[in-house]
mmCIF file of all heavy atoms, coordinates in Angstrom:
data_MODEL
# 
_entry.id   MODEL 
# 
loop_
_atom_site.group_PDB 
_atom_site.id 
_atom_site.type_symbol 
_atom_site.label_atom_id 
_atom_site.label_alt_id 
_atom_site.label_comp_id 
_atom_site.label_asym_id 
_atom_site.label_entity_id 
_atom_site.label_seq_id 
_atom_site.pdbx_PDB_ins_code 
_atom_site.Cartn_x 
_atom_site.Cartn_y 
_atom_site.Cartn_z 
_atom_site.occupancy 
_atom_site.B_iso_or_equiv 
_atom_site.pdbx_formal_charge 
_atom_site.auth_seq_id 
_atom_site.auth_comp_id 
_atom_site.auth_asym_id 
_atom_site.auth_atom_id 
_atom_site.pdbx_PDB_model_num 
ATOM 1   N N   . LEU A 1 1  ? 6.428   -1.243  -3.291  1.00 0.00 ? 1  LEU A N   1 
ATOM 2   C CA  . LEU A 1 1  ? 5.092   -0.913  -3.788  1.00 0.00 ? 1  LEU A CA  1 
ATOM 3   C C   . LEU A 1 1  ? 5.146   -0.578  -5.258  1.00 0.00 ? 1  LEU A C   1 
ATOM 4   O O   . LEU A 1 1  ? 5.819   0.365   -5.659  1.00 0.00 ? 1  LEU A O   1 
ATOM 5   C CB  . LEU A 1 1  ? 4.495   0.239   -2.999  1.00 0.00 ? 1  LEU A CB  1 
ATOM 6   C CG  . LEU A 1 1  ? 4.524   0.133   -1.461  1.00 0.00 ? 1  LEU A CG  1 
ATOM 7   C CD1 . LEU A 1 1  ? 3.858   1.350   -0.824  1.00 0.00 ? 1  LEU A CD1 1 
ATOM 8   C CD2 . LEU A 1 1  ? 3.836   -1.148  -0.990  1.00 0.00 ? 1  LEU A CD2 1 
ATOM 9   N N   . GLU A 1 2  ? 4.460   -1.352  -6.100  1.00 0.00 ? 2  GLU A N   1 
ATOM 10  C CA  . GLU A 1 2  ? 4.450   -1.093  -7.534  1.00 0.00 ? 2  GLU A CA  1 
ATOM 11  C C   . GLU A 1 2  ? 3.614   0.130   -7.860  1.00 0.00 ? 2  GLU A C   1 
ATOM 12  O O   . GLU A 1 2  ? 4.015   1.028   -8.576  1.00 0.00 ? 2  GLU A O   1 
ATOM 13  C CB  . GLU A 1 2  ? 3.905   -2.313  -8.295  1.00 0.00 ? 2  GLU A CB  1 
ATOM 14  C CG  . GLU A 1 2  ? 4.854   -3.494  -8.349  1.00 0.00 ? 2  GLU A CG  1 
ATOM 15  C CD  . GLU A 1 2  ? 6.031   -3.256  -9.284  1.00 0.00 ? 2  GLU A CD  1 
ATOM 16  O OE1 . GLU A 1 2  ? 5.908   -2.419  -10.209 1.00 0.00 ? 2  GLU A OE1 1 
ATOM 17  O OE2 . GLU A 1 2  ? 7.069   -3.910  -9.083  1.00 0.00 ? 2  GLU A OE2 1 
ATOM 18  N N   . VAL A 1 3  ? 2.381   0.144   -7.312  1.00 0.00 ? 3  VAL A N   1 
ATOM 19  C CA  . VAL A 1 3  ? 1.442   1.237   -7.573  1.00 0.00 ? 3  VAL A CA  1 
ATOM 20  C C   . VAL A 1 3  ? 0.697   1.554   -6.280  1.00 0.00 ? 3  VAL A C   1 
ATOM 21  O O   . VAL A 1 3  ? 0.204   0.645   -5.621  1.00 0.00 ? 3  VAL A O   1 
ATOM 22  C CB  . VAL A 1 3  ? 0.388   0.853   -8.655  1.00 0.00 ? 3  VAL A CB  1 
ATOM 23  C CG1 . VAL A 1 3  ? -0.595  1.998   -8.869  1.00 0.00 ? 3  VAL A CG1 1 
ATOM 24  C CG2 . VAL A 1 3  ? 1.073   0.476   -9.954  1.00 0.00 ? 3  VAL A CG2 1 
ATOM 25  N N   . VAL A 1 4  ? 0.651   2.836   -5.904  1.00 0.00 ? 4  VAL A N   1 
ATOM 26  C CA  . VAL A 1 4  ? -0.178  3.267   -4.782  1.00 0.00 ? 4  VAL A CA  1 
ATOM 27  C C   . VAL A 1 4  ? -1.466  3.832   -5.391  1.00 0.00 ? 4  VAL A C   1 
ATOM 28  O O   . VAL A 1 4  ? -1.465  4.874   -6.048  1.00 0.00 ? 4  VAL A O   1 
ATOM 29  C CB  . VAL A 1 4  ? 0.526   4.343   -3.923  1.00 0.00 ? 4  VAL A CB  1 
ATOM 30  C CG1 . VAL A 1 4  ? -0.403  4.819   -2.800  1.00 0.00 ? 4  VAL A CG1 1 
ATOM 31  C CG2 . VAL A 1 4  ? 1.819   3.792   -3.321  1.00 0.00 ? 4  VAL A CG2 1 
ATOM 32  N N   . GLU A 1 5  ? -2.565  3.099   -5.188  1.00 0.00 ? 5  GLU A N   1 
ATOM 33  C CA  . GLU A 1 5  ? -3.839  3.505   -5.829  1.00 0.00 ? 5  GLU A CA  1 
ATOM 34  C C   . GLU A 1 5  ? -4.545  4.597   -5.054  1.00 0.00 ? 5  GLU A C   1 
ATOM 35  O O   . GLU A 1 5  ? -5.258  5.409   -5.638  1.00 0.00 ? 5  GLU A O   1 
ATOM 36  C CB  . GLU A 1 5  ? -4.755  2.264   -5.956  1.00 0.00 ? 5  GLU A CB  1 
ATOM 37  C CG  . GLU A 1 5  ? -4.199  1.214   -6.927  1.00 0.00 ? 5  GLU A CG  1 
ATOM 38  C CD  . GLU A 1 5  ? -5.169  0.050   -7.148  1.00 0.00 ? 5  GLU A CD  1 
ATOM 39  O OE1 . GLU A 1 5  ? -5.896  -0.339  -6.209  1.00 0.00 ? 5  GLU A OE1 1 
ATOM 40  O OE2 . GLU A 1 5  ? -5.176  -0.484  -8.279  1.00 0.00 ? 5  GLU A OE2 1 
ATOM 41  N N   . SER A 1 6  ? -4.404  4.568   -3.712  1.00 0.00 ? 6  SER A N   1 
ATOM 42  C CA  . SER A 1 6  ? -5.057  5.621   -2.913  1.00 0.00 ? 6  SER A CA  1 
ATOM 43  C C   . SER A 1 6  ? -4.338  5.779   -1.598  1.00 0.00 ? 6  SER A C   1 
ATOM 44  O O   . SER A 1 6  ? -3.733  4.826   -1.075  1.00 0.00 ? 6  SER A O   1 
ATOM 45  C CB  . SER A 1 6  ? -6.538  5.293   -2.669  1.00 0.00 ? 6  SER A CB  1 
ATOM 46  O OG  . SER A 1 6  ? -6.656  4.162   -1.828  1.00 0.00 ? 6  SER A OG  1 
ATOM 47  N N   . GLU A 1 7  ? -4.389  7.023   -1.075  1.00 0.00 ? 7  GLU A N   1 
ATOM 48  C CA  . GLU A 1 7  ? -3.835  7.316   0.256   1.00 0.00 ? 7  GLU A CA  1 
ATOM 49  C C   . GLU A 1 7  ? -4.849  8.153   1.010   1.00 0.00 ? 7  GLU A C   1 
ATOM 50  O O   . GLU A 1 7  ? -5.409  9.097   0.474   1.00 0.00 ? 7  GLU A O   1 
ATOM 51  C CB  . GLU A 1 7  ? -2.530  8.128   0.119   1.00 0.00 ? 7  GLU A CB  1 
ATOM 52  C CG  . GLU A 1 7  ? -1.296  7.332   -0.161  1.00 0.00 ? 7  GLU A CG  1 
ATOM 53  C CD  . GLU A 1 7  ? -0.028  8.185   -0.062  1.00 0.00 ? 7  GLU A CD  1 
ATOM 54  O OE1 . GLU A 1 7  ? 0.163   8.809   1.000   1.00 0.00 ? 7  GLU A OE1 1 
ATOM 55  O OE2 . GLU A 1 7  ? 0.733   8.207   -1.041  1.00 0.00 ? 7  GLU A OE2 1 
ATOM 56  N N   . ASP A 1 8  ? -5.066  7.815   2.252   1.00 0.00 ? 8  ASP A N   1 
ATOM 57  C CA  . ASP A 1 8  ? -6.007  8.542   3.086   1.00 0.00 ? 8  ASP A CA  1 
ATOM 58  C C   . ASP A 1 8  ? -5.389  8.750   4.450   1.00 0.00 ? 8  ASP A C   1 
ATOM 59  O O   . ASP A 1 8  ? -5.060  7.770   5.154   1.00 0.00 ? 8  ASP A O   1 
ATOM 60  C CB  . ASP A 1 8  ? -7.320  7.774   3.192   1.00 0.00 ? 8  ASP A CB  1 
ATOM 61  C CG  . ASP A 1 8  ? -8.379  8.577   3.937   1.00 0.00 ? 8  ASP A CG  1 
ATOM 62  O OD1 . ASP A 1 8  ? -8.283  9.814   3.948   1.00 0.00 ? 8  ASP A OD1 1 
ATOM 63  O OD2 . ASP A 1 8  ? -9.293  7.957   4.525   1.00 0.00 ? 8  ASP A OD2 1 
ATOM 64  N N   . PHE A 1 9  ? -5.139  10.007  4.834   1.00 0.00 ? 9  PHE A N   1 
ATOM 65  C CA  . PHE A 1 9  ? -4.499  10.264  6.132   1.00 0.00 ? 9  PHE A CA  1 
ATOM 66  C C   . PHE A 1 9  ? -5.459  10.997  7.054   1.00 0.00 ? 9  PHE A C   1 
ATOM 67  O O   . PHE A 1 9  ? -5.929  12.089  6.774   1.00 0.00 ? 9  PHE A O   1 
ATOM 68  C CB  . PHE A 1 9  ? -3.241  11.119  5.939   1.00 0.00 ? 9  PHE A CB  1 
ATOM 69  C CG  . PHE A 1 9  ? -2.385  11.194  7.183   1.00 0.00 ? 9  PHE A CG  1 
ATOM 70  C CD1 . PHE A 1 9  ? -1.466  10.232  7.491   1.00 0.00 ? 9  PHE A CD1 1 
ATOM 71  C CD2 . PHE A 1 9  ? -2.545  12.262  8.068   1.00 0.00 ? 9  PHE A CD2 1 
ATOM 72  C CE1 . PHE A 1 9  ? -0.692  10.283  8.628   1.00 0.00 ? 9  PHE A CE1 1 
ATOM 73  C CE2 . PHE A 1 9  ? -1.788  12.329  9.223   1.00 0.00 ? 9  PHE A CE2 1 
ATOM 74  C CZ  . PHE A 1 9  ? -0.865  11.347  9.497   1.00 0.00 ? 9  PHE A CZ  1 
ATOM 75  N N   . ASP A 1 10 ? -5.790  10.312  8.171   1.00 0.00 ? 10 ASP A N   1 
ATOM 76  C CA  . ASP A 1 10 ? -6.613  10.956  9.189   1.00 0.00 ? 10 ASP A CA  1 
ATOM 77  C C   . ASP A 1 10 ? -5.840  10.796  10.497  1.00 0.00 ? 10 ASP A C   1 
ATOM 78  O O   . ASP A 1 10 ? -4.822  11.430  10.694  1.00 0.00 ? 10 ASP A O   1 
ATOM 79  C CB  . ASP A 1 10 ? -8.000  10.306  9.240   1.00 0.00 ? 10 ASP A CB  1 
ATOM 80  C CG  . ASP A 1 10 ? -8.975  11.108  10.086  1.00 0.00 ? 10 ASP A CG  1 
ATOM 81  O OD1 . ASP A 1 10 ? -8.607  12.193  10.535  1.00 0.00 ? 10 ASP A OD1 1 
ATOM 82  O OD2 . ASP A 1 10 ? -10.118 10.622  10.318  1.00 0.00 ? 10 ASP A OD2 1 
ATOM 83  N N   . GLU A 1 11 ? -6.303  9.898   11.360  1.00 0.00 ? 11 GLU A N   1 
ATOM 84  C CA  . GLU A 1 11 ? -5.529  9.617   12.573  1.00 0.00 ? 11 GLU A CA  1 
ATOM 85  C C   . GLU A 1 11 ? -4.425  8.608   12.271  1.00 0.00 ? 11 GLU A C   1 
ATOM 86  O O   . GLU A 1 11 ? -3.498  8.394   13.068  1.00 0.00 ? 11 GLU A O   1 
ATOM 87  C CB  . GLU A 1 11 ? -6.453  9.071   13.675  1.00 0.00 ? 11 GLU A CB  1 
ATOM 88  C CG  . GLU A 1 11 ? -7.436  10.131  14.170  1.00 0.00 ? 11 GLU A CG  1 
ATOM 89  C CD  . GLU A 1 11 ? -8.330  9.566   15.259  1.00 0.00 ? 11 GLU A CD  1 
ATOM 90  O OE1 . GLU A 1 11 ? -8.245  8.365   15.563  1.00 0.00 ? 11 GLU A OE1 1 
ATOM 91  O OE2 . GLU A 1 11 ? -9.140  10.357  15.802  1.00 0.00 ? 11 GLU A OE2 1 
ATOM 92  N N   . GLU A 1 12 ? -4.550  7.962   11.132  1.00 0.00 ? 12 GLU A N   1 
ATOM 93  C CA  . GLU A 1 12 ? -3.518  7.016   10.662  1.00 0.00 ? 12 GLU A CA  1 
ATOM 94  C C   . GLU A 1 12 ? -3.484  7.052   9.163   1.00 0.00 ? 12 GLU A C   1 
ATOM 95  O O   . GLU A 1 12 ? -4.399  7.581   8.512   1.00 0.00 ? 12 GLU A O   1 
ATOM 96  C CB  . GLU A 1 12 ? -3.804  5.611   11.190  1.00 0.00 ? 12 GLU A CB  1 
ATOM 97  C CG  . GLU A 1 12 ? -5.198  5.114   10.923  1.00 0.00 ? 12 GLU A CG  1 
ATOM 98  C CD  . GLU A 1 12 ? -5.596  3.915   11.771  1.00 0.00 ? 12 GLU A CD  1 
ATOM 99  O OE1 . GLU A 1 12 ? -4.839  3.525   12.646  1.00 0.00 ? 12 GLU A OE1 1 
ATOM 100 O OE2 . GLU A 1 12 ? -6.688  3.384   11.523  1.00 0.00 ? 12 GLU A OE2 1 
ATOM 101 N N   . LEU A 1 13 ? -2.430  6.518   8.564   1.00 0.00 ? 13 LEU A N   1 
ATOM 102 C CA  . LEU A 1 13 ? -2.296  6.480   7.112   1.00 0.00 ? 13 LEU A CA  1 
ATOM 103 C C   . LEU A 1 13 ? -2.821  5.171   6.568   1.00 0.00 ? 13 LEU A C   1 
ATOM 104 O O   . LEU A 1 13 ? -2.424  4.096   6.986   1.00 0.00 ? 13 LEU A O   1 
ATOM 105 C CB  . LEU A 1 13 ? -0.816  6.645   6.715   1.00 0.00 ? 13 LEU A CB  1 
ATOM 106 C CG  . LEU A 1 13 ? -0.512  6.537   5.218   1.00 0.00 ? 13 LEU A CG  1 
ATOM 107 C CD1 . LEU A 1 13 ? -1.194  7.630   4.419   1.00 0.00 ? 13 LEU A CD1 1 
ATOM 108 C CD2 . LEU A 1 13 ? 1.005   6.563   4.988   1.00 0.00 ? 13 LEU A CD2 1 
ATOM 109 N N   . GLU A 1 14 ? -3.783  5.295   5.652   1.00 0.00 ? 14 GLU A N   1 
ATOM 110 C CA  . GLU A 1 14 ? -4.335  4.099   4.991   1.00 0.00 ? 14 GLU A CA  1 
ATOM 111 C C   . GLU A 1 14 ? -4.002  4.168   3.525   1.00 0.00 ? 14 GLU A C   1 
ATOM 112 O O   . GLU A 1 14 ? -4.291  5.142   2.837   1.00 0.00 ? 14 GLU A O   1 
ATOM 113 C CB  . GLU A 1 14 ? -5.841  4.039   5.194   1.00 0.00 ? 14 GLU A CB  1 
ATOM 114 C CG  . GLU A 1 14 ? -6.467  2.775   4.580   1.00 0.00 ? 14 GLU A CG  1 
ATOM 115 C CD  . GLU A 1 14 ? -7.988  2.723   4.781   1.00 0.00 ? 14 GLU A CD  1 
ATOM 116 O OE1 . GLU A 1 14 ? -8.429  2.806   5.940   1.00 0.00 ? 14 GLU A OE1 1 
ATOM 117 O OE2 . GLU A 1 14 ? -8.694  2.552   3.779   1.00 0.00 ? 14 GLU A OE2 1 
ATOM 118 N N   . MET A 1 15 ? -3.353  3.092   3.012   1.00 0.00 ? 15 MET A N   1 
ATOM 119 C CA  . MET A 1 15 ? -2.978  3.047   1.594   1.00 0.00 ? 15 MET A CA  1 
ATOM 120 C C   . MET A 1 15 ? -3.513  1.780   0.956   1.00 0.00 ? 15 MET A C   1 
ATOM 121 O O   . MET A 1 15 ? -3.487  0.701   1.583   1.00 0.00 ? 15 MET A O   1 
ATOM 122 C CB  . MET A 1 15 ? -1.458  3.051   1.441   1.00 0.00 ? 15 MET A CB  1 
ATOM 123 C CG  . MET A 1 15 ? -0.758  4.321   1.821   1.00 0.00 ? 15 MET A CG  1 
ATOM 124 S SD  . MET A 1 15 ? 0.970   4.348   1.261   1.00 0.00 ? 15 MET A SD  1 
ATOM 125 C CE  . MET A 1 15 ? 1.684   3.035   2.241   1.00 0.00 ? 15 MET A CE  1 
ATOM 126 N N   . VAL A 1 16 ? -3.981  1.922   -0.278  1.00 0.00 ? 16 VAL A N   1 
ATOM 127 C CA  . VAL A 1 16 ? -4.340  0.746   -1.113  1.00 0.00 ? 16 VAL A CA  1 
ATOM 128 C C   . VAL A 1 16 ? -3.305  0.715   -2.224  1.00 0.00 ? 16 VAL A C   1 
ATOM 129 O O   . VAL A 1 16 ? -3.108  1.699   -2.935  1.00 0.00 ? 16 VAL A O   1 
ATOM 130 C CB  . VAL A 1 16 ? -5.770  0.866   -1.691  1.00 0.00 ? 16 VAL A CB  1 
ATOM 131 C CG1 . VAL A 1 16 ? -6.043  -0.300  -2.642  1.00 0.00 ? 16 VAL A CG1 1 
ATOM 132 C CG2 . VAL A 1 16 ? -6.800  0.860   -0.552  1.00 0.00 ? 16 VAL A CG2 1 
ATOM 133 N N   . CYS A 1 17 ? -2.618  -0.439  -2.349  1.00 0.00 ? 17 CYS A N   1 
ATOM 134 C CA  . CYS A 1 17 ? -1.522  -0.495  -3.315  1.00 0.00 ? 17 CYS A CA  1 
ATOM 135 C C   . CYS A 1 17 ? -1.428  -1.868  -3.977  1.00 0.00 ? 17 CYS A C   1 
ATOM 136 O O   . CYS A 1 17 ? -1.978  -2.861  -3.476  1.00 0.00 ? 17 CYS A O   1 
ATOM 137 C CB  . CYS A 1 17 ? -0.191  -0.133  -2.643  1.00 0.00 ? 17 CYS A CB  1 
ATOM 138 S SG  . CYS A 1 17 ? 0.068   -1.022  -1.108  1.00 0.00 ? 17 CYS A SG  1 
ATOM 139 N N   . LEU A 1 18 ? -0.689  -1.895  -5.085  1.00 0.00 ? 18 LEU A N   1 
ATOM 140 C CA  . LEU A 1 18 ? -0.407  -3.130  -5.791  1.00 0.00 ? 18 LEU A CA  1 
ATOM 141 C C   . LEU A 1 18 ? 1.043   -3.521  -5.551  1.00 0.00 ? 18 LEU A C   1 
ATOM 142 O O   . LEU A 1 18 ? 1.930   -2.662  -5.620  1.00 0.00 ? 18 LEU A O   1 
ATOM 143 C CB  . LEU A 1 18 ? -0.643  -2.979  -7.311  1.00 0.00 ? 18 LEU A CB  1 
ATOM 144 C CG  . LEU A 1 18 ? -2.059  -2.592  -7.753  1.00 0.00 ? 18 LEU A CG  1 
ATOM 145 C CD1 . LEU A 1 18 ? -2.105  -2.406  -9.262  1.00 0.00 ? 18 LEU A CD1 1 
ATOM 146 C CD2 . LEU A 1 18 ? -3.065  -3.667  -7.336  1.00 0.00 ? 18 LEU A CD2 1 
ATOM 147 N N   . VAL A 1 19 ? 1.277   -4.811  -5.224  1.00 0.00 ? 19 VAL A N   1 
ATOM 148 C CA  . VAL A 1 19 ? 2.647   -5.241  -4.979  1.00 0.00 ? 19 VAL A CA  1 
ATOM 149 C C   . VAL A 1 19 ? 2.911   -6.595  -5.663  1.00 0.00 ? 19 VAL A C   1 
ATOM 150 O O   . VAL A 1 19 ? 1.976   -7.365  -5.920  1.00 0.00 ? 19 VAL A O   1 
ATOM 151 C CB  . VAL A 1 19 ? 2.919   -5.416  -3.455  1.00 0.00 ? 19 VAL A CB  1 
ATOM 152 C CG1 . VAL A 1 19 ? 2.658   -4.141  -2.719  1.00 0.00 ? 19 VAL A CG1 1 
ATOM 153 C CG2 . VAL A 1 19 ? 2.100   -6.556  -2.851  1.00 0.00 ? 19 VAL A CG2 1 
ATOM 154 N N   . ASP A 1 20 ? 4.169   -6.865  -5.944  1.00 0.00 ? 20 ASP A N   1 
ATOM 155 C CA  . ASP A 1 20 ? 4.585   -8.169  -6.431  1.00 0.00 ? 20 ASP A CA  1 
ATOM 156 C C   . ASP A 1 20 ? 4.397   -9.153  -5.256  1.00 0.00 ? 20 ASP A C   1 
ATOM 157 O O   . ASP A 1 20 ? 4.814   -8.900  -4.140  1.00 0.00 ? 20 ASP A O   1 
ATOM 158 C CB  . ASP A 1 20 ? 6.077   -8.115  -6.843  1.00 0.00 ? 20 ASP A CB  1 
ATOM 159 C CG  . ASP A 1 20 ? 6.528   -9.427  -7.474  1.00 0.00 ? 20 ASP A CG  1 
ATOM 160 O OD1 . ASP A 1 20 ? 6.442   -10.477 -6.804  1.00 0.00 ? 20 ASP A OD1 1 
ATOM 161 O OD2 . ASP A 1 20 ? 7.019   -9.380  -8.616  1.00 0.00 ? 20 ASP A OD2 1 
ATOM 162 N N   . PRO A 1 21 ? 3.768   -10.341 -5.515  1.00 0.00 ? 21 PRO A N   1 
ATOM 163 C CA  . PRO A 1 21 ? 3.520   -11.310 -4.433  1.00 0.00 ? 21 PRO A CA  1 
ATOM 164 C C   . PRO A 1 21 ? 4.795   -11.736 -3.689  1.00 0.00 ? 21 PRO A C   1 
ATOM 165 O O   . PRO A 1 21 ? 4.740   -12.111 -2.538  1.00 0.00 ? 21 PRO A O   1 
ATOM 166 C CB  . PRO A 1 21 ? 2.923   -12.526 -5.172  1.00 0.00 ? 21 PRO A CB  1 
ATOM 167 C CG  . PRO A 1 21 ? 2.320   -11.952 -6.402  1.00 0.00 ? 21 PRO A CG  1 
ATOM 168 C CD  . PRO A 1 21 ? 3.210   -10.792 -6.809  1.00 0.00 ? 21 PRO A CD  1 
ATOM 169 N N   . GLY A 1 22 ? 5.917   -11.613 -4.364  1.00 0.00 ? 22 GLY A N   1 
ATOM 170 C CA  . GLY A 1 22 ? 7.189   -11.978 -3.740  1.00 0.00 ? 22 GLY A CA  1 
ATOM 171 C C   . GLY A 1 22 ? 7.556   -11.109 -2.548  1.00 0.00 ? 22 GLY A C   1 
ATOM 172 O O   . GLY A 1 22 ? 8.360   -11.481 -1.706  1.00 0.00 ? 22 GLY A O   1 
ATOM 173 N N   . TYR A 1 23 ? 6.962   -9.904  -2.473  1.00 0.00 ? 23 TYR A N   1 
ATOM 174 C CA  . TYR A 1 23 ? 7.257   -8.983  -1.383  1.00 0.00 ? 23 TYR A CA  1 
ATOM 175 C C   . TYR A 1 23 ? 6.278   -9.105  -0.191  1.00 0.00 ? 23 TYR A C   1 
ATOM 176 O O   . TYR A 1 23 ? 6.451   -8.427  0.809   1.00 0.00 ? 23 TYR A O   1 
ATOM 177 C CB  . TYR A 1 23 ? 7.193   -7.509  -1.880  1.00 0.00 ? 23 TYR A CB  1 
ATOM 178 C CG  . TYR A 1 23 ? 8.404   -7.090  -2.678  1.00 0.00 ? 23 TYR A CG  1 
ATOM 179 C CD1 . TYR A 1 23 ? 8.256   -6.570  -3.965  1.00 0.00 ? 23 TYR A CD1 1 
ATOM 180 C CD2 . TYR A 1 23 ? 9.693   -7.211  -2.137  1.00 0.00 ? 23 TYR A CD2 1 
ATOM 181 C CE1 . TYR A 1 23 ? 9.384   -6.150  -4.702  1.00 0.00 ? 23 TYR A CE1 1 
ATOM 182 C CE2 . TYR A 1 23 ? 10.795  -6.811  -2.885  1.00 0.00 ? 23 TYR A CE2 1 
ATOM 183 C CZ  . TYR A 1 23 ? 10.642  -6.289  -4.154  1.00 0.00 ? 23 TYR A CZ  1 
ATOM 184 O OH  . TYR A 1 23 ? 11.730  -5.898  -4.881  1.00 0.00 ? 23 TYR A OH  1 
ATOM 185 N N   . TYR A 1 24 ? 5.256   -9.935  -0.352  1.00 0.00 ? 24 TYR A N   1 
ATOM 186 C CA  . TYR A 1 24 ? 4.191   -9.961  0.645   1.00 0.00 ? 24 TYR A CA  1 
ATOM 187 C C   . TYR A 1 24 ? 4.715   -10.221 2.077   1.00 0.00 ? 24 TYR A C   1 
ATOM 188 O O   . TYR A 1 24 ? 4.396   -9.509  3.009   1.00 0.00 ? 24 TYR A O   1 
ATOM 189 C CB  . TYR A 1 24 ? 3.118   -11.012 0.298   1.00 0.00 ? 24 TYR A CB  1 
ATOM 190 C CG  . TYR A 1 24 ? 2.052   -11.158 1.373   1.00 0.00 ? 24 TYR A CG  1 
ATOM 191 C CD1 . TYR A 1 24 ? 1.025   -10.218 1.490   1.00 0.00 ? 24 TYR A CD1 1 
ATOM 192 C CD2 . TYR A 1 24 ? 2.111   -12.202 2.292   1.00 0.00 ? 24 TYR A CD2 1 
ATOM 193 C CE1 . TYR A 1 24 ? 0.068   -10.308 2.481   1.00 0.00 ? 24 TYR A CE1 1 
ATOM 194 C CE2 . TYR A 1 24 ? 1.154   -12.310 3.299   1.00 0.00 ? 24 TYR A CE2 1 
ATOM 195 C CZ  . TYR A 1 24 ? 0.137   -11.358 3.386   1.00 0.00 ? 24 TYR A CZ  1 
ATOM 196 O OH  . TYR A 1 24 ? -0.792  -11.465 4.384   1.00 0.00 ? 24 TYR A OH  1 
ATOM 197 N N   . ARG A 1 25 ? 5.508   -11.269 2.226   1.00 0.00 ? 25 ARG A N   1 
ATOM 198 C CA  . ARG A 1 25 ? 6.007   -11.619 3.562   1.00 0.00 ? 25 ARG A CA  1 
ATOM 199 C C   . ARG A 1 25 ? 6.854   -10.522 4.166   1.00 0.00 ? 25 ARG A C   1 
ATOM 200 O O   . ARG A 1 25 ? 6.760   -10.213 5.354   1.00 0.00 ? 25 ARG A O   1 
ATOM 201 C CB  . ARG A 1 25 ? 6.837   -12.910 3.494   1.00 0.00 ? 25 ARG A CB  1 
ATOM 202 C CG  . ARG A 1 25 ? 5.966   -14.168 3.368   1.00 0.00 ? 25 ARG A CG  1 
ATOM 203 C CD  . ARG A 1 25 ? 6.824   -15.421 3.486   1.00 0.00 ? 25 ARG A CD  1 
ATOM 204 N NE  . ARG A 1 25 ? 6.024   -16.613 3.311   1.00 0.00 ? 25 ARG A NE  1 
ATOM 205 C CZ  . ARG A 1 25 ? 6.507   -17.842 3.271   1.00 0.00 ? 25 ARG A CZ  1 
ATOM 206 N NH1 . ARG A 1 25 ? 7.809   -18.008 3.419   1.00 0.00 ? 25 ARG A NH1 1 
ATOM 207 N NH2 . ARG A 1 25 ? 5.740   -18.887 3.131   1.00 0.00 ? 25 ARG A NH2 1 
ATOM 208 N N   . GLU A 1 26 ? 7.683   -9.913  3.329   1.00 0.00 ? 26 GLU A N   1 
ATOM 209 C CA  . GLU A 1 26 ? 8.570   -8.823  3.800   1.00 0.00 ? 26 GLU A CA  1 
ATOM 210 C C   . GLU A 1 26 ? 7.742   -7.635  4.286   1.00 0.00 ? 26 GLU A C   1 
ATOM 211 O O   . GLU A 1 26 ? 8.031   -7.033  5.337   1.00 0.00 ? 26 GLU A O   1 
ATOM 212 C CB  . GLU A 1 26 ? 9.519   -8.416  2.683   1.00 0.00 ? 26 GLU A CB  1 
ATOM 213 C CG  . GLU A 1 26 ? 10.725  -7.633  3.144   1.00 0.00 ? 26 GLU A CG  1 
ATOM 214 C CD  . GLU A 1 26 ? 11.715  -7.336  2.017   1.00 0.00 ? 26 GLU A CD  1 
ATOM 215 O OE1 . GLU A 1 26 ? 11.716  -8.073  1.010   1.00 0.00 ? 26 GLU A OE1 1 
ATOM 216 O OE2 . GLU A 1 26 ? 12.432  -6.340  2.147   1.00 0.00 ? 26 GLU A OE2 1 
# 
């Protein structure tokens, strides 16, 4: 994960982040 823009934890963890496209499949 290059940048984690937001994190929200309630019953589950929700993250919005920026990643290098090369990592998408992994």
